Amino acid sequence: MTSAAPAPQSSAMPPSQHPISSSTQSPQPATSDHSPVKPHRKPLLRLEIRDLTSPGARSFLRLLHASSSIEDAVSSVLRLLYSGLPRHCIPPTRSVTLVIRSMGGVAYTTGSDIDGDHKEIHFSTDYISHVPEARQKEEMEGVIVHEMVHCWQHSNGAPGGLIEGIADWVRLKAGYAPPHWRRHADGQWDSGYERTGYFLEWLEKEHGEDVVRRINECLRQDGYDEEPFWEKCCGKSVSKLWEEYRASLGHADEHQRNDKADSGRQDSAEKNEAEHVETPETGESSTLGEPAEAGPDNELDADKHKDTRSARVKARRGGNMHVPVRPLPDI
């Protein structure tokens, strides 16, 4: 006769103090030697679950100890963004409410109806239920950490891609990067999320491990004005930094390749159109060496002299812009 499995422990309570077999423990996030960072006022942490019977809510309750997960997320964010800085640099967030509910998307963070110092993180049970079970716990913790960043970071006019990139950088540093994340050099530096997150990780290696804290602090002090902002934080323009990051990943400069390709296409188009010129008398085209003759007979041969140049070439060289830029629909 086998003994019954122990009942699940309530997720709203701290985890049991009984030792757990190392074979069942999940990987722990990376730790730091920095002492815990404490704001002026400890925030009030709340949990709200709209539908206890939904599969996503059941997974949340079964896999996470809510009080510990939320507290750990707050600690990770404060440690990574504010270590070594005075307490007055930390935003005065007074409360964070984690709302677990059915909705589209993954999650979002907003100020509550009371005031902006009371934050709400809304997390989709629909999304949770579609995450593979083996990944659910780590994914939920990673999303909570990401959204918790928005409760404590400074924005002050920064591009949305930088705001989201800092949030994913914290998630990455806290040890919750999903297996599908990759370093990409396509797009722009402020594409956001893990693209910008990995760019910030590279900036750490090149410009000091406190570079993201400096970025966040510069946002608090000065707001965002791109050129002086990046010169102050890193001593270079962000476009130059992005080029260096892309080069570190082994990517050639796509802009140069695209410019060469565009130049080649333009030269080819000009060569193909060079044997057609427009006569000032009629506004029609004729072949070089065969000038168009004015007169009624030519009206019968209008098709022979029809302007066959593309609209793009006409726009570049001048001429009668009667041909629409967009192609006419087939009838």
C-alpha atoms as a PDB file:
ATOM      1  CA  MET A   1       0.000   0.000   0.000  1.00  0.00           C
ATOM      2  CA  THR A   2       1.468   3.332  -1.058  1.00  0.00           C
ATOM      3  CA  SER A   3       0.978   6.549   0.846  1.00  0.00           C
ATOM      4  CA  ALA A   4      -1.033   9.336  -0.725  1.00  0.00           C
ATOM      5  CA  ALA A   5       0.799  12.250  -2.284  1.00  0.00           C
ATOM      6  CA  PRO A   6       0.951  15.341  -0.081  1.00  0.00           C
ATOM      7  CA  ALA A   7      -1.644  17.994  -0.765  1.00  0.00           C
ATOM      8  CA  PRO A   8      -0.506  21.043  -2.753  1.00  0.00           C
ATOM      9  CA  GLN A   9       0.592  23.975  -0.632  1.00  0.00           C
ATOM     10  CA  SER A  10      -1.287  27.237  -0.954  1.00  0.00           C
ATOM     11  CA  SER A  11       0.513  29.571  -3.348  1.00  0.00           C
ATOM     12  CA  ALA A  12      -0.383  32.595  -1.264  1.00  0.00           C
ATOM     13  CA  MET A  13       1.810  31.313   1.573  1.00  0.00           C
ATOM     14  CA  PRO A  14       5.605  31.180   1.719  1.00  0.00           C
ATOM     15  CA  PRO A  15       7.143  27.847   0.670  1.00  0.00           C
ATOM     16  CA  SER A  16       7.587  25.084   3.211  1.00  0.00           C
ATOM     17  CA  GLN A  17      10.814  25.011   5.180  1.00  0.00           C
ATOM     18  CA  HIS A  18      11.158  21.235   4.669  1.00  0.00           C
ATOM     19  CA  PRO A  19      14.194  20.344   2.548  1.00  0.00           C
ATOM     20  CA  ILE A  20      13.477  19.478  -1.057  1.00  0.00           C
ATOM     21  CA  SER A  21      15.337  16.883  -3.023  1.00  0.00           C
ATOM     22  CA  SER A  22      17.907  18.451  -5.337  1.00  0.00           C
ATOM     23  CA  SER A  23      16.493  16.397  -8.205  1.00  0.00           C
ATOM     24  CA  THR A  24      13.216  18.339  -8.018  1.00  0.00           C
ATOM     25  CA  GLN A  25      14.575  21.809  -7.503  1.00  0.00           C
ATOM     26  CA  SER A  26      14.343  24.210 -10.425  1.00  0.00           C
ATOM     27  CA  PRO A  27      17.402  26.229 -11.459  1.00  0.00           C
ATOM     28  CA  GLN A  28      17.903  29.292  -9.318  1.00  0.00           C
ATOM     29  CA  PRO A  29      18.343  32.763 -10.814  1.00  0.00           C
ATOM     30  CA  ALA A  30      21.812  34.224 -10.888  1.00  0.00           C
ATOM     31  CA  THR A  31      22.774  35.893  -7.640  1.00  0.00           C
ATOM     32  CA  SER A  32      24.861  38.949  -6.931  1.00  0.00           C
ATOM     33  CA  ASP A  33      27.156  40.040  -4.132  1.00  0.00           C
ATOM     34  CA  HIS A  34      25.227  43.287  -3.771  1.00  0.00           C
ATOM     35  CA  SER A  35      23.311  43.743  -0.548  1.00  0.00           C
ATOM     36  CA  PRO A  36      19.519  43.901  -0.849  1.00  0.00           C
ATOM     37  CA  VAL A  37      18.252  47.285  -1.987  1.00  0.00           C
ATOM     38  CA  LYS A  38      15.408  48.680   0.103  1.00  0.00           C
ATOM     39  CA  PRO A  39      13.194  51.601  -0.915  1.00  0.00           C
ATOM     40  CA  HIS A  40      12.100  54.257   1.564  1.00  0.00           C
ATOM     41  CA  ARG A  41       8.834  52.432   2.038  1.00  0.00           C
ATOM     42  CA  LYS A  42       8.214  48.723   1.656  1.00  0.00           C
ATOM     43  CA  PRO A  43       5.511  48.324  -0.998  1.00  0.00           C
ATOM     44  CA  LEU A  44       2.256  46.590  -0.223  1.00  0.00           C
ATOM     45  CA  LEU A  45       1.976  43.457  -2.399  1.00  0.00           C
ATOM     46  CA  ARG A  46      -1.432  42.104  -3.384  1.00  0.00           C
ATOM     47  CA  LEU A  47      -2.768  39.188  -5.404  1.00  0.00           C
ATOM     48  CA  GLU A  48      -6.101  39.165  -7.227  1.00  0.00           C
ATOM     49  CA  ILE A  49      -7.354  36.111  -9.128  1.00  0.00           C
ATOM     50  CA  ARG A  50     -10.534  36.736 -11.118  1.00  0.00           C
ATOM     51  CA  ASP A  51     -11.415  33.109 -11.890  1.00  0.00           C
ATOM     52  CA  LEU A  52     -10.057  30.337  -9.686  1.00  0.00           C
ATOM     53  CA  THR A  53     -11.427  27.639 -12.015  1.00  0.00           C
ATOM     54  CA  SER A  54      -9.540  28.671 -15.174  1.00  0.00           C
ATOM     55  CA  PRO A  55      -6.688  26.354 -16.257  1.00  0.00           C
ATOM     56  CA  GLY A  56      -4.202  29.244 -16.167  1.00  0.00           C
ATOM     57  CA  ALA A  57      -5.175  30.202 -12.623  1.00  0.00           C
ATOM     58  CA  ARG A  58      -4.915  26.576 -11.514  1.00  0.00           C
ATOM     59  CA  SER A  59      -1.397  26.362 -12.970  1.00  0.00           C
ATOM     60  CA  PHE A  60      -0.427  29.601 -11.235  1.00  0.00           C
ATOM     61  CA  LEU A  61      -1.687  28.380  -7.858  1.00  0.00           C
ATOM     62  CA  ARG A  62      -0.151  24.953  -8.282  1.00  0.00           C
ATOM     63  CA  LEU A  63       3.321  26.013  -9.415  1.00  0.00           C
ATOM     64  CA  LEU A  64       4.051  29.338  -7.720  1.00  0.00           C
ATOM     65  CA  HIS A  65       4.109  30.582  -4.143  1.00  0.00           C
ATOM     66  CA  ALA A  66       2.693  33.983  -4.941  1.00  0.00           C
ATOM     67  CA  SER A  67       4.043  35.921  -1.955  1.00  0.00           C
ATOM     68  CA  SER A  68       7.593  34.644  -2.521  1.00  0.00           C
ATOM     69  CA  SER A  69       7.477  35.071  -6.315  1.00  0.00           C
ATOM     70  CA  ILE A  70       6.303  38.678  -6.114  1.00  0.00           C
ATOM     71  CA  GLU A  71       8.775  39.577  -3.356  1.00  0.00           C
ATOM     72  CA  ASP A  72      11.634  37.951  -5.271  1.00  0.00           C
ATOM     73  CA  ALA A  73      10.684  39.911  -8.392  1.00  0.00           C
ATOM     74  CA  VAL A  74      10.756  43.193  -6.454  1.00  0.00           C
ATOM     75  CA  SER A  75      14.151  42.300  -4.956  1.00  0.00           C
ATOM     76  CA  SER A  76      15.641  41.402  -8.361  1.00  0.00           C
ATOM     77  CA  VAL A  77      14.469  44.651  -9.955  1.00  0.00           C
ATOM     78  CA  LEU A  78      15.729  46.868  -7.129  1.00  0.00           C
ATOM     79  CA  ARG A  79      19.051  45.048  -6.952  1.00  0.00           C
ATOM     80  CA  LEU A  80      19.726  45.286 -10.676  1.00  0.00           C
ATOM     81  CA  LEU A  81      18.537  48.861 -11.224  1.00  0.00           C
ATOM     82  CA  TYR A  82      19.461  50.602  -7.973  1.00  0.00           C
ATOM     83  CA  SER A  83      22.442  48.904  -6.323  1.00  0.00           C
ATOM     84  CA  GLY A  84      24.906  51.530  -5.144  1.00  0.00           C
ATOM     85  CA  LEU A  85      22.487  54.423  -5.665  1.00  0.00           C
ATOM     86  CA  PRO A  86      20.883  56.619  -2.978  1.00  0.00           C
ATOM     87  CA  ARG A  87      17.367  55.679  -1.915  1.00  0.00           C
ATOM     88  CA  HIS A  88      15.897  58.868  -3.325  1.00  0.00           C
ATOM     89  CA  CYS A  89      16.676  57.517  -6.827  1.00  0.00           C
ATOM     90  CA  ILE A  90      14.093  54.731  -6.354  1.00  0.00           C
ATOM     91  CA  PRO A  91      10.537  55.584  -7.466  1.00  0.00           C
ATOM     92  CA  PRO A  92       8.032  55.833  -4.588  1.00  0.00           C
ATOM     93  CA  THR A  93       5.969  52.807  -5.597  1.00  0.00           C
ATOM     94  CA  ARG A  94       3.562  52.203  -2.725  1.00  0.00           C
ATOM     95  CA  SER A  95       1.826  49.007  -3.819  1.00  0.00           C
ATOM     96  CA  VAL A  96       1.869  46.356  -6.532  1.00  0.00           C
ATOM     97  CA  THR A  97      -1.217  44.262  -7.283  1.00  0.00           C
ATOM     98  CA  LEU A  98      -0.792  41.160  -9.437  1.00  0.00           C
ATOM     99  CA  VAL A  99      -4.078  40.537 -11.249  1.00  0.00           C
ATOM    100  CA  ILE A 100      -4.474  37.070 -12.757  1.00  0.00           C
ATOM    101  CA  ARG A 101      -7.301  37.126 -15.288  1.00  0.00           C
ATOM    102  CA  SER A 102      -8.496  36.117 -18.735  1.00  0.00           C
ATOM    103  CA  MET A 103      -7.466  38.563 -21.456  1.00  0.00           C
ATOM    104  CA  GLY A 104      -5.687  38.779 -24.771  1.00  0.00           C
ATOM    105  CA  GLY A 105      -1.920  39.110 -24.982  1.00  0.00           C
ATOM    106  CA  VAL A 106       0.509  38.180 -22.222  1.00  0.00           C
ATOM    107  CA  ALA A 107       0.701  40.896 -19.551  1.00  0.00           C
ATOM    108  CA  TYR A 108       0.810  44.632 -19.000  1.00  0.00           C
ATOM    109  CA  THR A 109       1.482  47.072 -16.163  1.00  0.00           C
ATOM    110  CA  THR A 110      -0.443  50.226 -15.363  1.00  0.00           C
ATOM    111  CA  GLY A 111      -0.987  52.735 -12.595  1.00  0.00           C
ATOM    112  CA  SER A 112      -4.112  52.099 -10.561  1.00  0.00           C
ATOM    113  CA  ASP A 113      -7.120  54.402 -10.385  1.00  0.00           C
ATOM    114  CA  ILE A 114      -5.885  55.699  -7.021  1.00  0.00           C
ATOM    115  CA  ASP A 115      -2.645  57.242  -8.315  1.00  0.00           C
ATOM    116  CA  GLY A 116       0.464  56.370 -10.275  1.00  0.00           C
ATOM    117  CA  ASP A 117       2.339  55.108  -7.229  1.00  0.00           C
ATOM    118  CA  HIS A 118      -0.053  52.162  -6.954  1.00  0.00           C
ATOM    119  CA  LYS A 119       0.781  49.695  -9.733  1.00  0.00           C
ATOM    120  CA  GLU A 120      -1.191  46.836 -11.238  1.00  0.00           C
ATOM    121  CA  ILE A 121       0.297  43.959 -13.214  1.00  0.00           C
ATOM    122  CA  HIS A 122      -2.324  42.167 -15.310  1.00  0.00           C
ATOM    123  CA  PHE A 123      -1.289  38.642 -16.326  1.00  0.00           C
ATOM    124  CA  SER A 124      -3.277  36.529 -18.802  1.00  0.00           C
ATOM    125  CA  THR A 125      -4.525  33.112 -17.674  1.00  0.00           C
ATOM    126  CA  ASP A 126      -5.158  32.329 -21.356  1.00  0.00           C
ATOM    127  CA  TYR A 127      -1.466  32.785 -22.073  1.00  0.00           C
ATOM    128  CA  ILE A 128      -0.411  30.733 -19.054  1.00  0.00           C
ATOM    129  CA  SER A 129      -2.609  27.824 -20.117  1.00  0.00           C
ATOM    130  CA  HIS A 130      -0.959  27.691 -23.552  1.00  0.00           C
ATOM    131  CA  VAL A 131       2.615  27.552 -22.239  1.00  0.00           C
ATOM    132  CA  PRO A 132       3.998  23.965 -22.232  1.00  0.00           C
ATOM    133  CA  GLU A 133       3.685  22.549 -18.739  1.00  0.00           C
ATOM    134  CA  ALA A 134       7.426  21.935 -18.418  1.00  0.00           C
ATOM    135  CA  ARG A 135       8.026  25.657 -18.990  1.00  0.00           C
ATOM    136  CA  GLN A 136       5.081  27.164 -17.123  1.00  0.00           C
ATOM    137  CA  LYS A 137       6.764  27.889 -13.793  1.00  0.00           C
ATOM    138  CA  GLU A 138       9.855  29.601 -15.235  1.00  0.00           C
ATOM    139  CA  GLU A 139       7.785  31.486 -17.822  1.00  0.00           C
ATOM    140  CA  MET A 140       5.384  32.843 -15.203  1.00  0.00           C
ATOM    141  CA  GLU A 141       8.271  33.951 -12.997  1.00  0.00           C
ATOM    142  CA  GLY A 142      10.010  35.571 -15.966  1.00  0.00           C
ATOM    143  CA  VAL A 143       6.907  37.493 -17.011  1.00  0.00           C
ATOM    144  CA  ILE A 144       6.345  38.709 -13.436  1.00  0.00           C
ATOM    145  CA  VAL A 145       9.956  39.948 -13.241  1.00  0.00           C
ATOM    146  CA  HIS A 146       9.616  41.728 -16.599  1.00  0.00           C
ATOM    147  CA  GLU A 147       6.416  43.478 -15.577  1.00  0.00           C
ATOM    148  CA  MET A 148       7.772  44.312 -12.135  1.00  0.00           C
ATOM    149  CA  VAL A 149      10.495  46.373 -13.841  1.00  0.00           C
ATOM    150  CA  HIS A 150       7.772  48.677 -15.178  1.00  0.00           C
ATOM    151  CA  CYS A 151       6.673  49.294 -11.585  1.00  0.00           C
ATOM    152  CA  TRP A 152      10.104  50.662 -10.624  1.00  0.00           C
ATOM    153  CA  GLN A 153      11.989  51.951 -13.674  1.00  0.00           C
ATOM    154  CA  HIS A 154      12.219  55.559 -14.879  1.00  0.00           C
ATOM    155  CA  SER A 155      10.921  56.289 -18.371  1.00  0.00           C
ATOM    156  CA  ASN A 156      10.779  60.090 -18.765  1.00  0.00           C
ATOM    157  CA  GLY A 157      10.410  60.234 -22.546  1.00  0.00           C
ATOM    158  CA  ALA A 158      12.492  57.165 -23.419  1.00  0.00           C
ATOM    159  CA  PRO A 159      11.570  55.148 -26.538  1.00  0.00           C
ATOM    160  CA  GLY A 160       9.235  52.249 -25.830  1.00  0.00           C
ATOM    161  CA  GLY A 161      11.850  49.838 -27.176  1.00  0.00           C
ATOM    162  CA  LEU A 162      14.364  50.973 -24.564  1.00  0.00           C
ATOM    163  CA  ILE A 163      11.787  50.644 -21.771  1.00  0.00           C
ATOM    164  CA  GLU A 164      10.912  47.095 -22.836  1.00  0.00           C
ATOM    165  CA  GLY A 165      14.562  46.257 -23.465  1.00  0.00           C
ATOM    166  CA  ILE A 166      15.513  47.216 -19.911  1.00  0.00           C
ATOM    167  CA  ALA A 167      12.699  45.002 -18.615  1.00  0.00           C
ATOM    168  CA  ASP A 168      13.967  42.023 -20.606  1.00  0.00           C
ATOM    169  CA  TRP A 169      17.554  42.798 -19.570  1.00  0.00           C
ATOM    170  CA  VAL A 170      16.464  42.479 -15.923  1.00  0.00           C
ATOM    171  CA  ARG A 171      14.664  39.244 -16.768  1.00  0.00           C
ATOM    172  CA  LEU A 172      17.826  37.980 -18.471  1.00  0.00           C
ATOM    173  CA  LYS A 173      20.063  38.951 -15.530  1.00  0.00           C
ATOM    174  CA  ALA A 174      17.625  37.428 -13.046  1.00  0.00           C
ATOM    175  CA  GLY A 175      17.996  34.048 -14.772  1.00  0.00           C
ATOM    176  CA  TYR A 176      14.645  33.763 -16.557  1.00  0.00           C
ATOM    177  CA  ALA A 177      15.593  34.045 -20.245  1.00  0.00           C
ATOM    178  CA  PRO A 178      13.364  31.660 -22.244  1.00  0.00           C
ATOM    179  CA  PRO A 179      15.104  29.041 -24.423  1.00  0.00           C
ATOM    180  CA  HIS A 180      13.877  30.661 -27.650  1.00  0.00           C
ATOM    181  CA  TRP A 181      15.625  33.998 -27.006  1.00  0.00           C
ATOM    182  CA  ARG A 182      18.476  34.744 -29.401  1.00  0.00           C
ATOM    183  CA  ARG A 183      20.873  37.601 -30.027  1.00  0.00           C
ATOM    184  CA  HIS A 184      19.738  39.385 -33.186  1.00  0.00           C
ATOM    185  CA  ALA A 185      21.350  42.214 -35.095  1.00  0.00           C
ATOM    186  CA  ASP A 186      18.530  42.806 -37.549  1.00  0.00           C
ATOM    187  CA  GLY A 187      16.144  45.676 -36.982  1.00  0.00           C
ATOM    188  CA  GLN A 188      17.040  48.685 -34.864  1.00  0.00           C
ATOM    189  CA  TRP A 189      18.650  49.009 -31.454  1.00  0.00           C
ATOM    190  CA  ASP A 190      15.306  50.015 -29.940  1.00  0.00           C
ATOM    191  CA  SER A 191      13.308  47.141 -31.407  1.00  0.00           C
ATOM    192  CA  GLY A 192      12.661  46.282 -27.778  1.00  0.00           C
ATOM    193  CA  TYR A 193      12.368  43.161 -25.663  1.00  0.00           C
ATOM    194  CA  GLU A 194      15.173  40.608 -25.949  1.00  0.00           C
ATOM    195  CA  ARG A 195      16.782  42.298 -28.977  1.00  0.00           C
ATOM    196  CA  THR A 196      17.409  45.436 -26.957  1.00  0.00           C
ATOM    197  CA  GLY A 197      17.954  43.378 -23.804  1.00  0.00           C
ATOM    198  CA  TYR A 198      20.922  41.550 -25.317  1.00  0.00           C
ATOM    199  CA  PHE A 199      22.226  44.852 -26.696  1.00  0.00           C
ATOM    200  CA  LEU A 200      22.198  46.220 -23.135  1.00  0.00           C
ATOM    201  CA  GLU A 201      23.976  43.079 -21.926  1.00  0.00           C
ATOM    202  CA  TRP A 202      26.711  43.741 -24.494  1.00  0.00           C
ATOM    203  CA  LEU A 203      26.939  47.370 -23.330  1.00  0.00           C
ATOM    204  CA  GLU A 204      27.667  46.038 -19.842  1.00  0.00           C
ATOM    205  CA  LYS A 205      30.734  44.222 -21.112  1.00  0.00           C
ATOM    206  CA  GLU A 206      31.973  47.200 -23.119  1.00  0.00           C
ATOM    207  CA  HIS A 207      31.047  50.126 -20.863  1.00  0.00           C
ATOM    208  CA  GLY A 208      30.823  48.742 -17.341  1.00  0.00           C
ATOM    209  CA  GLU A 209      28.452  46.515 -15.437  1.00  0.00           C
ATOM    210  CA  ASP A 210      26.580  49.553 -14.111  1.00  0.00           C
ATOM    211  CA  VAL A 211      25.699  50.905 -17.566  1.00  0.00           C
ATOM    212  CA  VAL A 212      21.993  50.031 -17.351  1.00  0.00           C
ATOM    213  CA  ARG A 213      21.788  51.624 -13.917  1.00  0.00           C
ATOM    214  CA  ARG A 214      23.401  54.723 -15.433  1.00  0.00           C
ATOM    215  CA  ILE A 215      20.861  54.689 -18.253  1.00  0.00           C
ATOM    216  CA  ASN A 216      17.984  54.424 -15.801  1.00  0.00           C
ATOM    217  CA  GLU A 217      19.451  57.157 -13.593  1.00  0.00           C
ATOM    218  CA  CYS A 218      20.034  59.474 -16.567  1.00  0.00           C
ATOM    219  CA  LEU A 219      16.379  59.052 -17.460  1.00  0.00           C
ATOM    220  CA  ARG A 220      15.443  60.145 -13.944  1.00  0.00           C
ATOM    221  CA  GLN A 221      17.762  63.147 -13.958  1.00  0.00           C
ATOM    222  CA  ASP A 222      17.630  64.464 -17.509  1.00  0.00           C
ATOM    223  CA  GLY A 223      14.942  62.668 -19.470  1.00  0.00           C
ATOM    224  CA  TYR A 224      15.644  61.348 -22.954  1.00  0.00           C
ATOM    225  CA  ASP A 225      17.282  63.404 -25.680  1.00  0.00           C
ATOM    226  CA  GLU A 226      19.015  60.794 -27.817  1.00  0.00           C
ATOM    227  CA  GLU A 227      22.329  62.363 -28.774  1.00  0.00           C
ATOM    228  CA  PRO A 228      23.396  63.898 -25.438  1.00  0.00           C
ATOM    229  CA  PHE A 229      21.811  61.026 -23.526  1.00  0.00           C
ATOM    230  CA  TRP A 230      23.999  58.310 -25.071  1.00  0.00           C
ATOM    231  CA  GLU A 231      27.084  60.513 -25.098  1.00  0.00           C
ATOM    232  CA  LYS A 232      26.670  60.960 -21.353  1.00  0.00           C
ATOM    233  CA  CYS A 233      25.985  57.277 -20.639  1.00  0.00           C
ATOM    234  CA  CYS A 234      28.464  55.640 -23.014  1.00  0.00           C
ATOM    235  CA  GLY A 235      30.524  58.345 -24.692  1.00  0.00           C
ATOM    236  CA  LYS A 236      29.227  57.467 -28.179  1.00  0.00           C
ATOM    237  CA  SER A 237      26.105  57.785 -30.274  1.00  0.00           C
ATOM    238  CA  VAL A 238      23.680  54.893 -30.002  1.00  0.00           C
ATOM    239  CA  SER A 239      23.926  54.298 -33.759  1.00  0.00           C
ATOM    240  CA  LYS A 240      27.680  53.789 -33.401  1.00  0.00           C
ATOM    241  CA  LEU A 241      27.155  51.487 -30.413  1.00  0.00           C
ATOM    242  CA  TRP A 242      24.607  49.467 -32.392  1.00  0.00           C
ATOM    243  CA  GLU A 243      27.044  49.101 -35.297  1.00  0.00           C
ATOM    244  CA  GLU A 244      29.709  47.822 -32.903  1.00  0.00           C
ATOM    245  CA  TYR A 245      27.256  45.381 -31.348  1.00  0.00           C
ATOM    246  CA  ARG A 246      26.228  44.066 -34.763  1.00  0.00           C
ATOM    247  CA  ALA A 247      29.883  43.685 -35.717  1.00  0.00           C
ATOM    248  CA  SER A 248      30.483  41.703 -32.519  1.00  0.00           C
ATOM    249  CA  LEU A 249      27.857  39.222 -33.723  1.00  0.00           C
ATOM    250  CA  GLY A 250      29.620  38.845 -37.069  1.00  0.00           C
ATOM    251  CA  HIS A 251      27.077  40.762 -39.159  1.00  0.00           C
ATOM    252  CA  ALA A 252      28.135  42.973 -42.060  1.00  0.00           C
ATOM    253  CA  ASP A 253      26.627  46.402 -42.373  1.00  0.00           C
ATOM    254  CA  GLU A 254      23.287  45.812 -44.040  1.00  0.00           C
ATOM    255  CA  HIS A 255      22.925  49.496 -44.867  1.00  0.00           C
ATOM    256  CA  GLN A 256      26.007  49.376 -47.114  1.00  0.00           C
ATOM    257  CA  ARG A 257      24.716  46.266 -48.876  1.00  0.00           C
ATOM    258  CA  ASN A 258      21.298  47.831 -49.360  1.00  0.00           C
ATOM    259  CA  ASP A 259      22.805  51.073 -50.657  1.00  0.00           C
ATOM    260  CA  LYS A 260      24.889  49.164 -53.203  1.00  0.00           C
ATOM    261  CA  ALA A 261      21.874  47.147 -54.286  1.00  0.00           C
ATOM    262  CA  ASP A 262      19.740  50.287 -54.680  1.00  0.00           C
ATOM    263  CA  SER A 263      22.518  51.984 -56.649  1.00  0.00           C
ATOM    264  CA  GLY A 264      22.815  48.966 -58.941  1.00  0.00           C
ATOM    265  CA  ARG A 265      19.067  48.899 -59.566  1.00  0.00           C
ATOM    266  CA  GLN A 266      19.019  52.620 -60.323  1.00  0.00           C
ATOM    267  CA  ASP A 267      21.945  52.362 -62.770  1.00  0.00           C
ATOM    268  CA  SER A 268      20.233  49.451 -64.493  1.00  0.00           C
ATOM    269  CA  ALA A 269      16.967  51.375 -64.781  1.00  0.00           C
ATOM    270  CA  GLU A 270      18.729  54.427 -66.190  1.00  0.00           C
ATOM    271  CA  LYS A 271      20.569  52.294 -68.723  1.00  0.00           C
ATOM    272  CA  ASN A 272      17.363  50.604 -69.865  1.00  0.00           C
ATOM    273  CA  GLU A 273      15.583  53.943 -70.206  1.00  0.00           C
ATOM    274  CA  ALA A 274      18.507  55.823 -71.794  1.00  0.00           C
ATOM    275  CA  GLU A 275      17.408  54.988 -75.331  1.00  0.00           C
ATOM    276  CA  HIS A 276      14.089  56.768 -74.747  1.00  0.00           C
ATOM    277  CA  VAL A 277      13.957  60.578 -74.544  1.00  0.00           C
ATOM    278  CA  GLU A 278      11.086  62.994 -74.298  1.00  0.00           C
ATOM    279  CA  THR A 279      10.612  65.568 -77.053  1.00  0.00           C
ATOM    280  CA  PRO A 280       9.614  69.012 -75.798  1.00  0.00           C
ATOM    281  CA  GLU A 281       7.177  69.581 -78.669  1.00  0.00           C
ATOM    282  CA  THR A 282       4.865  66.651 -77.970  1.00  0.00           C
ATOM    283  CA  GLY A 283       5.791  65.419 -74.514  1.00  0.00           C
ATOM    284  CA  GLU A 284       6.009  61.928 -76.045  1.00  0.00           C
ATOM    285  CA  SER A 285       8.975  59.606 -76.220  1.00  0.00           C
ATOM    286  CA  SER A 286      10.860  58.544 -79.263  1.00  0.00           C
ATOM    287  CA  THR A 287      13.829  56.331 -79.952  1.00  0.00           C
ATOM    288  CA  LEU A 288      17.198  58.052 -80.212  1.00  0.00           C
ATOM    289  CA  GLY A 289      18.026  58.761 -83.829  1.00  0.00           C
ATOM    290  CA  GLU A 290      14.331  58.736 -84.799  1.00  0.00           C
ATOM    291  CA  PRO A 291      12.920  62.167 -83.866  1.00  0.00           C
ATOM    292  CA  ALA A 292       9.152  62.379 -83.609  1.00  0.00           C
ATOM    293  CA  GLU A 293       7.443  64.330 -86.349  1.00  0.00           C
ATOM    294  CA  ALA A 294       4.599  66.666 -85.472  1.00  0.00           C
ATOM    295  CA  GLY A 295       1.432  66.431 -87.512  1.00  0.00           C
ATOM    296  CA  PRO A 296      -1.920  64.681 -87.827  1.00  0.00           C
ATOM    297  CA  ASP A 297      -0.374  61.499 -89.243  1.00  0.00           C
ATOM    298  CA  ASN A 298       1.410  60.938 -85.971  1.00  0.00           C
ATOM    299  CA  GLU A 299      -1.885  60.844 -84.114  1.00  0.00           C
ATOM    300  CA  LEU A 300      -2.679  57.618 -85.964  1.00  0.00           C
ATOM    301  CA  ASP A 301       0.608  56.185 -84.698  1.00  0.00           C
ATOM    302  CA  ALA A 302       0.214  57.273 -81.058  1.00  0.00           C
ATOM    303  CA  ASP A 303       0.816  53.762 -79.787  1.00  0.00           C
ATOM    304  CA  LYS A 304       4.251  53.771 -81.373  1.00  0.00           C
ATOM    305  CA  HIS A 305       5.216  56.826 -79.340  1.00  0.00           C
ATOM    306  CA  LYS A 306       3.528  55.887 -76.073  1.00  0.00           C
ATOM    307  CA  ASP A 307       5.653  56.793 -73.075  1.00  0.00           C
ATOM    308  CA  THR A 308       6.789  53.434 -71.654  1.00  0.00           C
ATOM    309  CA  ARG A 309       8.965  54.809 -68.872  1.00  0.00           C
ATOM    310  CA  SER A 310       8.157  53.819 -65.312  1.00  0.00           C
ATOM    311  CA  ALA A 311       6.559  56.326 -62.979  1.00  0.00           C
ATOM    312  CA  ARG A 312       9.675  56.232 -60.802  1.00  0.00           C
ATOM    313  CA  VAL A 313      11.925  57.243 -63.727  1.00  0.00           C
ATOM    314  CA  LYS A 314       9.485  59.989 -64.701  1.00  0.00           C
ATOM    315  CA  ALA A 315       9.527  61.362 -61.179  1.00  0.00           C
ATOM    316  CA  ARG A 316      13.317  61.372 -61.131  1.00  0.00           C
ATOM    317  CA  ARG A 317      13.835  62.939 -64.573  1.00  0.00           C
ATOM    318  CA  GLY A 318      10.759  65.107 -64.872  1.00  0.00           C
ATOM    319  CA  GLY A 319       8.069  64.835 -67.516  1.00  0.00           C
ATOM    320  CA  ASN A 320       4.329  64.291 -67.629  1.00  0.00           C
ATOM    321  CA  MET A 321       3.212  62.577 -64.424  1.00  0.00           C
ATOM    322  CA  HIS A 322      -0.047  61.261 -65.850  1.00  0.00           C
ATOM    323  CA  VAL A 323       0.914  57.678 -65.021  1.00  0.00           C
ATOM    324  CA  PRO A 324      -0.238  56.856 -61.441  1.00  0.00           C
ATOM    325  CA  VAL A 325       2.383  55.755 -58.962  1.00  0.00           C
ATOM    326  CA  ARG A 326       0.222  52.879 -57.794  1.00  0.00           C
ATOM    327  CA  PRO A 327      -0.711  50.345 -60.501  1.00  0.00           C
ATOM    328  CA  LEU A 328      -4.296  50.336 -61.635  1.00  0.00           C
ATOM    329  CA  PRO A 329      -6.305  47.252 -60.587  1.00  0.00           C
ATOM    330  CA  ASP A 330      -6.983  44.622 -63.206  1.00  0.00           C
ATOM    331  CA  ILE A 331     -10.542  44.784 -64.553  1.00  0.00           C
END
